[in-house]
Amino acid sequence: MITKKALTFIKRDFIIATSYRFAFLLQLFGIFFSVLTFYFLDKMFGTAAVPYLEPYGGDYFSFVLIGIAFSTYLTTGLRSFSGSIRNEQMMGTLEAMLATPTKASVLILFSSLWDFIFASIQVLAYLLIGVFLFAVDMGNANIFAAILVLILTIICFSSLGIISASFIMVLKRGDPINWAFSALSGLLGGVLYPISVLPQWLQYFSYFLPITYALNAMRHALLQGYSLEALAPDIIALLLFSIVMLPLSIMAFKFAVRRAKVDGSLTQY
């Protein structure tokens, strides 16, 4: 029954997404132009960044390709759940969904499955373009380690997204979680540049962000084939984030639903 419900949500959102074919294709074409932009940036000043990139192989384009590809999961995690809540509110279906026997936590997870599937398609497109068109070397990639890091990464980012959705459920607008983690992750998470270029006092703050560990582990796994043992510090950090944040996010969402029901604001947006 759970699997059937999950597939129903995926089918519904897939039909909606593909019904706007032009927008759907533009998103995929946008990936190519994004990669091309960073390729030429690498040509312009890539050698200047080599001293900072030695732990990742010394190539800026490969470094930034992993960063922009896998930060897609952060964007999806932060926006998908709250976006789903808002869409259901605007369509007038949120109250009906929450009245079903299915748990609220399950509904919020299912409502974002398609977004994460599409994010995975985007990430795969980034990597394939990098490998086949721009000769990014991933021949030594540790695929098993990368998959493990990916699972923990999605759990962490999803937890942040569910907390974000909780704020949207209560406040309707003005989500501080989305704003804070989007801004801080872009600045301190090592998406476009290694955190070693930051002042020492700022580097300390980067260690409180799951994206820092996710990108560090993913780059080492895909570009240099690090073993699980070598990736252990980053994997343990992501695991701890997951253990703490996932239950916290589910509790926050349940509280938000109860609060909205008491206030009678489930259908307001």
C-alpha atoms as a PDB file:
ATOM      1  CA  MET A   1       0.000   0.000   0.000  1.00  0.00           C
ATOM      2  CA  ILE A   2       2.799   2.432   0.879  1.00  0.00           C
ATOM      3  CA  THR A   3       4.605   1.674  -2.383  1.00  0.00           C
ATOM      4  CA  LYS A   4       1.393   2.188  -4.345  1.00  0.00           C
ATOM      5  CA  LYS A   5       0.820   5.563  -2.705  1.00  0.00           C
ATOM      6  CA  ALA A   6       4.407   6.620  -3.410  1.00  0.00           C
ATOM      7  CA  LEU A   7       4.078   5.662  -7.082  1.00  0.00           C
ATOM      8  CA  THR A   8       0.789   7.557  -7.292  1.00  0.00           C
ATOM      9  CA  PHE A   9       2.449  10.745  -6.053  1.00  0.00           C
ATOM     10  CA  ILE A  10       5.365  10.269  -8.472  1.00  0.00           C
ATOM     11  CA  LYS A  11       3.006   9.669 -11.406  1.00  0.00           C
ATOM     12  CA  ARG A  12       0.916  12.725 -10.561  1.00  0.00           C
ATOM     13  CA  ASP A  13       3.900  15.055 -10.280  1.00  0.00           C
ATOM     14  CA  PHE A  14       5.563  13.589 -13.379  1.00  0.00           C
ATOM     15  CA  ILE A  15       2.431  14.267 -15.434  1.00  0.00           C
ATOM     16  CA  ILE A  16       2.268  17.829 -14.118  1.00  0.00           C
ATOM     17  CA  ALA A  17       5.978  18.475 -14.792  1.00  0.00           C
ATOM     18  CA  THR A  18       5.972  17.028 -18.313  1.00  0.00           C
ATOM     19  CA  SER A  19       2.751  18.786 -19.255  1.00  0.00           C
ATOM     20  CA  TYR A  20       4.855  21.971 -19.418  1.00  0.00           C
ATOM     21  CA  ARG A  21       7.246  20.470 -21.959  1.00  0.00           C
ATOM     22  CA  PHE A  22       9.035  23.661 -22.931  1.00  0.00           C
ATOM     23  CA  ALA A  23       9.840  24.580 -19.317  1.00  0.00           C
ATOM     24  CA  PHE A  24      10.896  20.974 -18.672  1.00  0.00           C
ATOM     25  CA  LEU A  25      13.353  21.048 -21.593  1.00  0.00           C
ATOM     26  CA  LEU A  26      14.652  24.500 -20.681  1.00  0.00           C
ATOM     27  CA  GLN A  27      15.695  23.181 -17.269  1.00  0.00           C
ATOM     28  CA  LEU A  28      17.744  20.443 -18.905  1.00  0.00           C
ATOM     29  CA  PHE A  29      19.287  22.779 -21.485  1.00  0.00           C
ATOM     30  CA  GLY A  30      20.155  25.172 -18.673  1.00  0.00           C
ATOM     31  CA  ILE A  31      22.444  22.539 -17.201  1.00  0.00           C
ATOM     32  CA  PHE A  32      24.619  22.524 -20.331  1.00  0.00           C
ATOM     33  CA  PHE A  33      25.026  26.308 -20.349  1.00  0.00           C
ATOM     34  CA  SER A  34      25.785  26.333 -16.628  1.00  0.00           C
ATOM     35  CA  VAL A  35      28.546  23.752 -17.117  1.00  0.00           C
ATOM     36  CA  LEU A  36      29.880  25.663 -20.135  1.00  0.00           C
ATOM     37  CA  THR A  37      30.105  28.882 -18.099  1.00  0.00           C
ATOM     38  CA  PHE A  38      32.261  27.267 -15.421  1.00  0.00           C
ATOM     39  CA  TYR A  39      34.376  25.529 -18.060  1.00  0.00           C
ATOM     40  CA  PHE A  40      35.408  28.891 -19.506  1.00  0.00           C
ATOM     41  CA  LEU A  41      35.913  30.337 -16.025  1.00  0.00           C
ATOM     42  CA  ASP A  42      38.317  27.489 -15.384  1.00  0.00           C
ATOM     43  CA  LYS A  43      40.156  28.356 -18.594  1.00  0.00           C
ATOM     44  CA  MET A  44      40.502  31.945 -17.435  1.00  0.00           C
ATOM     45  CA  PHE A  45      41.815  31.522 -13.897  1.00  0.00           C
ATOM     46  CA  GLY A  46      41.845  27.779 -13.120  1.00  0.00           C
ATOM     47  CA  THR A  47      45.625  27.604 -12.638  1.00  0.00           C
ATOM     48  CA  ALA A  48      45.501  30.303  -9.962  1.00  0.00           C
ATOM     49  CA  ALA A  49      43.303  28.062  -7.831  1.00  0.00           C
ATOM     50  CA  VAL A  50      45.546  24.990  -8.030  1.00  0.00           C
ATOM     51  CA  PRO A  51      47.225  25.474  -4.608  1.00  0.00           C
ATOM     52  CA  TYR A  52      43.803  25.422  -2.925  1.00  0.00           C
ATOM     53  CA  LEU A  53      42.594  22.453  -4.970  1.00  0.00           C
ATOM     54  CA  GLU A  54      45.433  19.987  -4.420  1.00  0.00           C
ATOM     55  CA  PRO A  55      43.351  17.859  -1.968  1.00  0.00           C
ATOM     56  CA  TYR A  56      40.809  17.378  -4.796  1.00  0.00           C
ATOM     57  CA  GLY A  57      43.196  16.751  -7.674  1.00  0.00           C
ATOM     58  CA  GLY A  58      44.056  20.341  -8.601  1.00  0.00           C
ATOM     59  CA  ASP A  59      41.412  20.852 -11.297  1.00  0.00           C
ATOM     60  CA  TYR A  60      38.934  23.697 -10.693  1.00  0.00           C
ATOM     61  CA  PHE A  61      36.413  22.621 -13.328  1.00  0.00           C
ATOM     62  CA  SER A  62      36.052  19.131 -11.824  1.00  0.00           C
ATOM     63  CA  PHE A  63      35.807  20.686  -8.365  1.00  0.00           C
ATOM     64  CA  VAL A  64      33.056  23.125  -9.279  1.00  0.00           C
ATOM     65  CA  LEU A  65      31.188  20.575 -11.416  1.00  0.00           C
ATOM     66  CA  ILE A  66      30.653  18.367  -8.352  1.00  0.00           C
ATOM     67  CA  GLY A  67      29.735  21.425  -6.309  1.00  0.00           C
ATOM     68  CA  ILE A  68      27.011  22.792  -8.584  1.00  0.00           C
ATOM     69  CA  ALA A  69      25.696  19.312  -9.417  1.00  0.00           C
ATOM     70  CA  PHE A  70      25.202  18.058  -5.882  1.00  0.00           C
ATOM     71  CA  SER A  71      24.096  21.412  -4.456  1.00  0.00           C
ATOM     72  CA  THR A  72      20.999  20.699  -6.560  1.00  0.00           C
ATOM     73  CA  TYR A  73      19.930  18.339  -3.783  1.00  0.00           C
ATOM     74  CA  LEU A  74      20.217  21.139  -1.227  1.00  0.00           C
ATOM     75  CA  THR A  75      18.057  23.435  -3.349  1.00  0.00           C
ATOM     76  CA  THR A  76      15.537  20.635  -3.883  1.00  0.00           C
ATOM     77  CA  GLY A  77      15.479  19.707  -0.210  1.00  0.00           C
ATOM     78  CA  LEU A  78      14.956  23.277   0.953  1.00  0.00           C
ATOM     79  CA  ARG A  79      12.290  24.189  -1.606  1.00  0.00           C
ATOM     80  CA  SER A  80      10.490  20.973  -2.469  1.00  0.00           C
ATOM     81  CA  PHE A  81       8.639  20.282   0.771  1.00  0.00           C
ATOM     82  CA  SER A  82       7.585  23.855   1.425  1.00  0.00           C
ATOM     83  CA  GLY A  83       6.698  24.241  -2.262  1.00  0.00           C
ATOM     84  CA  SER A  84       4.514  21.136  -2.115  1.00  0.00           C
ATOM     85  CA  ILE A  85       2.736  22.471   0.974  1.00  0.00           C
ATOM     86  CA  ARG A  86       2.078  25.795  -0.715  1.00  0.00           C
ATOM     87  CA  ASN A  87       0.834  24.164  -3.933  1.00  0.00           C
ATOM     88  CA  GLU A  88      -1.567  21.921  -2.027  1.00  0.00           C
ATOM     89  CA  GLN A  89      -2.833  24.953  -0.095  1.00  0.00           C
ATOM     90  CA  MET A  90      -3.415  26.920  -3.299  1.00  0.00           C
ATOM     91  CA  MET A  91      -5.220  23.988  -4.939  1.00  0.00           C
ATOM     92  CA  GLY A  92      -7.324  23.480  -1.817  1.00  0.00           C
ATOM     93  CA  THR A  93      -6.236  19.848  -1.402  1.00  0.00           C
ATOM     94  CA  LEU A  94      -4.003  20.083   1.664  1.00  0.00           C
ATOM     95  CA  GLU A  95      -6.761  19.711   4.234  1.00  0.00           C
ATOM     96  CA  ALA A  96      -8.230  16.724   2.360  1.00  0.00           C
ATOM     97  CA  MET A  97      -4.813  15.045   2.174  1.00  0.00           C
ATOM     98  CA  LEU A  98      -4.159  15.488   5.876  1.00  0.00           C
ATOM     99  CA  ALA A  99      -7.604  14.045   6.658  1.00  0.00           C
ATOM    100  CA  THR A 100      -6.656  10.689   5.118  1.00  0.00           C
ATOM    101  CA  PRO A 101      -5.395   7.761   7.273  1.00  0.00           C
ATOM    102  CA  THR A 102      -1.875   8.254   5.904  1.00  0.00           C
ATOM    103  CA  LYS A 103       0.484   9.933   8.363  1.00  0.00           C
ATOM    104  CA  ALA A 104       1.309  13.579   7.715  1.00  0.00           C
ATOM    105  CA  SER A 105       5.044  12.787   7.714  1.00  0.00           C
ATOM    106  CA  VAL A 106       4.522  10.178   4.986  1.00  0.00           C
ATOM    107  CA  LEU A 107       2.431  12.563   2.893  1.00  0.00           C
ATOM    108  CA  ILE A 108       5.048  15.299   3.024  1.00  0.00           C
ATOM    109  CA  LEU A 109       7.772  12.829   2.003  1.00  0.00           C
ATOM    110  CA  PHE A 110       5.733  11.382  -0.878  1.00  0.00           C
ATOM    111  CA  SER A 111       4.811  14.826  -2.176  1.00  0.00           C
ATOM    112  CA  SER A 112       8.477  15.540  -2.891  1.00  0.00           C
ATOM    113  CA  LEU A 113       9.586  12.219  -4.361  1.00  0.00           C
ATOM    114  CA  TRP A 114       9.366  13.425  -7.946  1.00  0.00           C
ATOM    115  CA  ASP A 115      11.425  16.524  -7.153  1.00  0.00           C
ATOM    116  CA  PHE A 116      14.271  14.368  -5.866  1.00  0.00           C
ATOM    117  CA  ILE A 117      13.995  12.019  -8.855  1.00  0.00           C
ATOM    118  CA  PHE A 118      14.250  14.982 -11.207  1.00  0.00           C
ATOM    119  CA  ALA A 119      17.130  16.399  -9.152  1.00  0.00           C
ATOM    120  CA  SER A 120      18.925  13.058  -9.618  1.00  0.00           C
ATOM    121  CA  ILE A 121      18.344  13.302 -13.383  1.00  0.00           C
ATOM    122  CA  GLN A 122      19.847  16.795 -13.315  1.00  0.00           C
ATOM    123  CA  VAL A 123      22.870  15.649 -11.305  1.00  0.00           C
ATOM    124  CA  LEU A 124      23.423  12.745 -13.694  1.00  0.00           C
ATOM    125  CA  ALA A 125      23.227  15.177 -16.619  1.00  0.00           C
ATOM    126  CA  TYR A 126      25.871  17.406 -15.007  1.00  0.00           C
ATOM    127  CA  LEU A 127      28.218  14.455 -14.517  1.00  0.00           C
ATOM    128  CA  LEU A 128      27.669  12.974 -17.992  1.00  0.00           C
ATOM    129  CA  ILE A 129      28.258  16.339 -19.665  1.00  0.00           C
ATOM    130  CA  GLY A 130      31.405  16.811 -17.596  1.00  0.00           C
ATOM    131  CA  VAL A 131      32.769  13.358 -18.383  1.00  0.00           C
ATOM    132  CA  PHE A 132      31.860  12.994 -22.073  1.00  0.00           C
ATOM    133  CA  LEU A 133      32.070  16.585 -23.333  1.00  0.00           C
ATOM    134  CA  PHE A 134      34.708  18.143 -21.077  1.00  0.00           C
ATOM    135  CA  ALA A 135      36.869  15.111 -20.228  1.00  0.00           C
ATOM    136  CA  VAL A 136      36.418  15.186 -16.450  1.00  0.00           C
ATOM    137  CA  ASP A 137      38.266  12.143 -15.099  1.00  0.00           C
ATOM    138  CA  MET A 138      36.116   9.938 -12.871  1.00  0.00           C
ATOM    139  CA  GLY A 139      37.756   6.684 -13.841  1.00  0.00           C
ATOM    140  CA  ASN A 140      38.793   5.936 -10.260  1.00  0.00           C
ATOM    141  CA  ALA A 141      35.443   6.842  -8.704  1.00  0.00           C
ATOM    142  CA  ASN A 142      34.320   4.832  -5.667  1.00  0.00           C
ATOM    143  CA  ILE A 143      30.666   4.410  -6.694  1.00  0.00           C
ATOM    144  CA  PHE A 144      29.575   2.571  -3.546  1.00  0.00           C
ATOM    145  CA  ALA A 145      30.994   5.291  -1.300  1.00  0.00           C
ATOM    146  CA  ALA A 146      29.413   7.987  -3.465  1.00  0.00           C
ATOM    147  CA  ILE A 147      25.994   6.316  -3.182  1.00  0.00           C
ATOM    148  CA  LEU A 148      26.317   6.050   0.593  1.00  0.00           C
ATOM    149  CA  VAL A 149      27.288   9.722   0.845  1.00  0.00           C
ATOM    150  CA  LEU A 150      24.388  10.603  -1.472  1.00  0.00           C
ATOM    151  CA  ILE A 151      21.828   8.792   0.707  1.00  0.00           C
ATOM    152  CA  LEU A 152      23.032  10.576   3.850  1.00  0.00           C
ATOM    153  CA  THR A 153      23.140  13.876   1.956  1.00  0.00           C
ATOM    154  CA  ILE A 154      19.522  13.534   0.829  1.00  0.00           C
ATOM    155  CA  ILE A 155      18.421  12.681   4.379  1.00  0.00           C
ATOM    156  CA  CYS A 156      20.176  15.778   5.764  1.00  0.00           C
ATOM    157  CA  PHE A 157      18.873  18.134   3.086  1.00  0.00           C
ATOM    158  CA  SER A 158      15.380  16.643   3.286  1.00  0.00           C
ATOM    159  CA  SER A 159      15.344  17.203   7.035  1.00  0.00           C
ATOM    160  CA  LEU A 160      16.137  20.875   6.485  1.00  0.00           C
ATOM    161  CA  GLY A 161      13.391  21.018   3.877  1.00  0.00           C
ATOM    162  CA  ILE A 162      10.794  19.503   6.209  1.00  0.00           C
ATOM    163  CA  ILE A 163      11.688  22.048   8.907  1.00  0.00           C
ATOM    164  CA  SER A 164      11.335  24.736   6.233  1.00  0.00           C
ATOM    165  CA  ALA A 165       7.894  23.356   5.312  1.00  0.00           C
ATOM    166  CA  SER A 166       6.911  23.524   8.982  1.00  0.00           C
ATOM    167  CA  PHE A 167       7.554  27.259   8.999  1.00  0.00           C
ATOM    168  CA  ILE A 168       5.541  27.669   5.796  1.00  0.00           C
ATOM    169  CA  MET A 169       2.669  25.704   7.347  1.00  0.00           C
ATOM    170  CA  VAL A 170       2.486  28.174  10.236  1.00  0.00           C
ATOM    171  CA  LEU A 171       3.831  31.464   8.848  1.00  0.00           C
ATOM    172  CA  LYS A 172       2.690  31.008   5.191  1.00  0.00           C
ATOM    173  CA  ARG A 173       5.546  33.272   4.056  1.00  0.00           C
ATOM    174  CA  GLY A 174       8.943  34.317   5.384  1.00  0.00           C
ATOM    175  CA  ASP A 175      10.789  31.037   5.874  1.00  0.00           C
ATOM    176  CA  PRO A 176      14.029  31.671   7.842  1.00  0.00           C
ATOM    177  CA  ILE A 177      15.376  28.106   7.389  1.00  0.00           C
ATOM    178  CA  ASN A 178      15.349  28.295   3.588  1.00  0.00           C
ATOM    179  CA  TRP A 179      16.939  31.735   3.561  1.00  0.00           C
ATOM    180  CA  ALA A 180      19.594  30.958   6.163  1.00  0.00           C
ATOM    181  CA  PHE A 181      20.794  27.630   4.785  1.00  0.00           C
ATOM    182  CA  SER A 182      20.674  28.753   1.153  1.00  0.00           C
ATOM    183  CA  ALA A 183      22.777  31.819   1.894  1.00  0.00           C
ATOM    184  CA  LEU A 184      25.195  30.173   4.319  1.00  0.00           C
ATOM    185  CA  SER A 185      25.682  27.037   2.218  1.00  0.00           C
ATOM    186  CA  GLY A 186      26.483  29.112  -0.853  1.00  0.00           C
ATOM    187  CA  LEU A 187      28.979  31.222   1.074  1.00  0.00           C
ATOM    188  CA  LEU A 188      30.536  28.693   3.449  1.00  0.00           C
ATOM    189  CA  GLY A 189      29.729  25.229   2.085  1.00  0.00           C
ATOM    190  CA  GLY A 190      32.449  24.962  -0.556  1.00  0.00           C
ATOM    191  CA  VAL A 191      30.142  24.877  -3.592  1.00  0.00           C
ATOM    192  CA  LEU A 192      32.145  27.169  -5.886  1.00  0.00           C
ATOM    193  CA  TYR A 193      35.450  27.335  -4.010  1.00  0.00           C
ATOM    194  CA  PRO A 194      37.213  25.287  -1.308  1.00  0.00           C
ATOM    195  CA  ILE A 195      36.578  26.486   2.219  1.00  0.00           C
ATOM    196  CA  SER A 196      40.352  26.828   2.667  1.00  0.00           C
ATOM    197  CA  VAL A 197      40.164  30.197   0.861  1.00  0.00           C
ATOM    198  CA  LEU A 198      37.960  31.560   3.656  1.00  0.00           C
ATOM    199  CA  PRO A 199      39.367  33.368   6.689  1.00  0.00           C
ATOM    200  CA  GLN A 200      40.049  30.953   9.517  1.00  0.00           C
ATOM    201  CA  TRP A 201      37.203  32.276  11.670  1.00  0.00           C
ATOM    202  CA  LEU A 202      34.691  31.728   8.844  1.00  0.00           C
ATOM    203  CA  GLN A 203      35.946  28.209   8.219  1.00  0.00           C
ATOM    204  CA  TYR A 204      34.779  27.214  11.687  1.00  0.00           C
ATOM    205  CA  PHE A 205      31.183  28.098  10.764  1.00  0.00           C
ATOM    206  CA  SER A 206      31.336  25.939   7.634  1.00  0.00           C
ATOM    207  CA  TYR A 207      31.716  22.841   9.809  1.00  0.00           C
ATOM    208  CA  PHE A 208      28.176  23.363  11.139  1.00  0.00           C
ATOM    209  CA  LEU A 209      26.725  22.881   7.635  1.00  0.00           C
ATOM    210  CA  PRO A 210      26.015  19.374   6.260  1.00  0.00           C
ATOM    211  CA  ILE A 211      26.780  20.511   2.707  1.00  0.00           C
ATOM    212  CA  THR A 212      30.448  21.015   3.682  1.00  0.00           C
ATOM    213  CA  TYR A 213      30.863  17.333   4.520  1.00  0.00           C
ATOM    214  CA  ALA A 214      28.657  16.150   1.662  1.00  0.00           C
ATOM    215  CA  LEU A 215      30.622  17.943  -1.058  1.00  0.00           C
ATOM    216  CA  ASN A 216      33.992  17.121   0.468  1.00  0.00           C
ATOM    217  CA  ALA A 217      33.147  13.414   0.611  1.00  0.00           C
ATOM    218  CA  MET A 218      31.544  13.368  -2.838  1.00  0.00           C
ATOM    219  CA  ARG A 219      34.526  15.041  -4.486  1.00  0.00           C
ATOM    220  CA  HIS A 220      36.982  12.656  -2.869  1.00  0.00           C
ATOM    221  CA  ALA A 221      34.815   9.634  -3.736  1.00  0.00           C
ATOM    222  CA  LEU A 222      34.192  10.561  -7.390  1.00  0.00           C
ATOM    223  CA  LEU A 223      37.401  12.344  -8.363  1.00  0.00           C
ATOM    224  CA  GLN A 224      39.970  10.420  -6.338  1.00  0.00           C
ATOM    225  CA  GLY A 225      38.283   7.161  -5.415  1.00  0.00           C
ATOM    226  CA  TYR A 226      38.729   7.474  -1.658  1.00  0.00           C
ATOM    227  CA  SER A 227      37.864   4.391   0.373  1.00  0.00           C
ATOM    228  CA  LEU A 228      35.125   4.300   3.010  1.00  0.00           C
ATOM    229  CA  GLU A 229      37.825   4.396   5.664  1.00  0.00           C
ATOM    230  CA  ALA A 230      39.313   7.578   4.207  1.00  0.00           C
ATOM    231  CA  LEU A 231      35.849   9.135   3.927  1.00  0.00           C
ATOM    232  CA  ALA A 232      34.866   8.084   7.459  1.00  0.00           C
ATOM    233  CA  PRO A 233      35.114  11.570   9.082  1.00  0.00           C
ATOM    234  CA  ASP A 234      32.711  13.100   6.544  1.00  0.00           C
ATOM    235  CA  ILE A 235      30.377  10.085   6.560  1.00  0.00           C
ATOM    236  CA  ILE A 236      30.197  10.061  10.365  1.00  0.00           C
ATOM    237  CA  ALA A 237      29.426  13.801  10.371  1.00  0.00           C
ATOM    238  CA  LEU A 238      26.596  13.301   7.838  1.00  0.00           C
ATOM    239  CA  LEU A 239      25.288  10.351   9.840  1.00  0.00           C
ATOM    240  CA  LEU A 240      25.174  12.443  13.020  1.00  0.00           C
ATOM    241  CA  PHE A 241      23.385  15.247  11.194  1.00  0.00           C
ATOM    242  CA  SER A 242      20.840  12.701   9.896  1.00  0.00           C
ATOM    243  CA  ILE A 243      20.251  11.078  13.292  1.00  0.00           C
ATOM    244  CA  VAL A 244      19.581  14.449  14.923  1.00  0.00           C
ATOM    245  CA  MET A 245      17.805  16.342  12.163  1.00  0.00           C
ATOM    246  CA  LEU A 246      15.401  13.772  10.692  1.00  0.00           C
ATOM    247  CA  PRO A 247      13.424  13.052  13.909  1.00  0.00           C
ATOM    248  CA  LEU A 248      13.547  16.762  14.775  1.00  0.00           C
ATOM    249  CA  SER A 249      12.119  17.710  11.384  1.00  0.00           C
ATOM    250  CA  ILE A 250       9.271  15.181  11.628  1.00  0.00           C
ATOM    251  CA  MET A 251       8.360  16.444  15.113  1.00  0.00           C
ATOM    252  CA  ALA A 252       8.465  20.042  13.874  1.00  0.00           C
ATOM    253  CA  PHE A 253       6.153  19.234  10.980  1.00  0.00           C
ATOM    254  CA  LYS A 254       3.653  17.391  13.189  1.00  0.00           C
ATOM    255  CA  PHE A 255       3.635  20.354  15.557  1.00  0.00           C
ATOM    256  CA  ALA A 256       3.078  22.739  12.639  1.00  0.00           C
ATOM    257  CA  VAL A 257       0.140  20.679  11.362  1.00  0.00           C
ATOM    258  CA  ARG A 258      -1.469  20.625  14.818  1.00  0.00           C
ATOM    259  CA  ARG A 259      -0.909  24.371  15.177  1.00  0.00           C
ATOM    260  CA  ALA A 260      -2.456  25.085  11.771  1.00  0.00           C
ATOM    261  CA  LYS A 261      -5.468  22.891  12.568  1.00  0.00           C
ATOM    262  CA  VAL A 262      -6.035  24.691  15.875  1.00  0.00           C
ATOM    263  CA  ASP A 263      -5.718  28.079  14.166  1.00  0.00           C
ATOM    264  CA  GLY A 264      -7.935  26.928  11.283  1.00  0.00           C
ATOM    265  CA  SER A 265      -5.310  28.103   8.779  1.00  0.00           C
ATOM    266  CA  LEU A 266      -4.563  24.918   6.840  1.00  0.00           C
ATOM    267  CA  THR A 267      -6.111  26.275   3.665  1.00  0.00           C
ATOM    268  CA  GLN A 268      -4.707  29.794   4.011  1.00  0.00           C
ATOM    269  CA  TYR A 269      -1.673  30.840   1.964  1.00  0.00           C
END
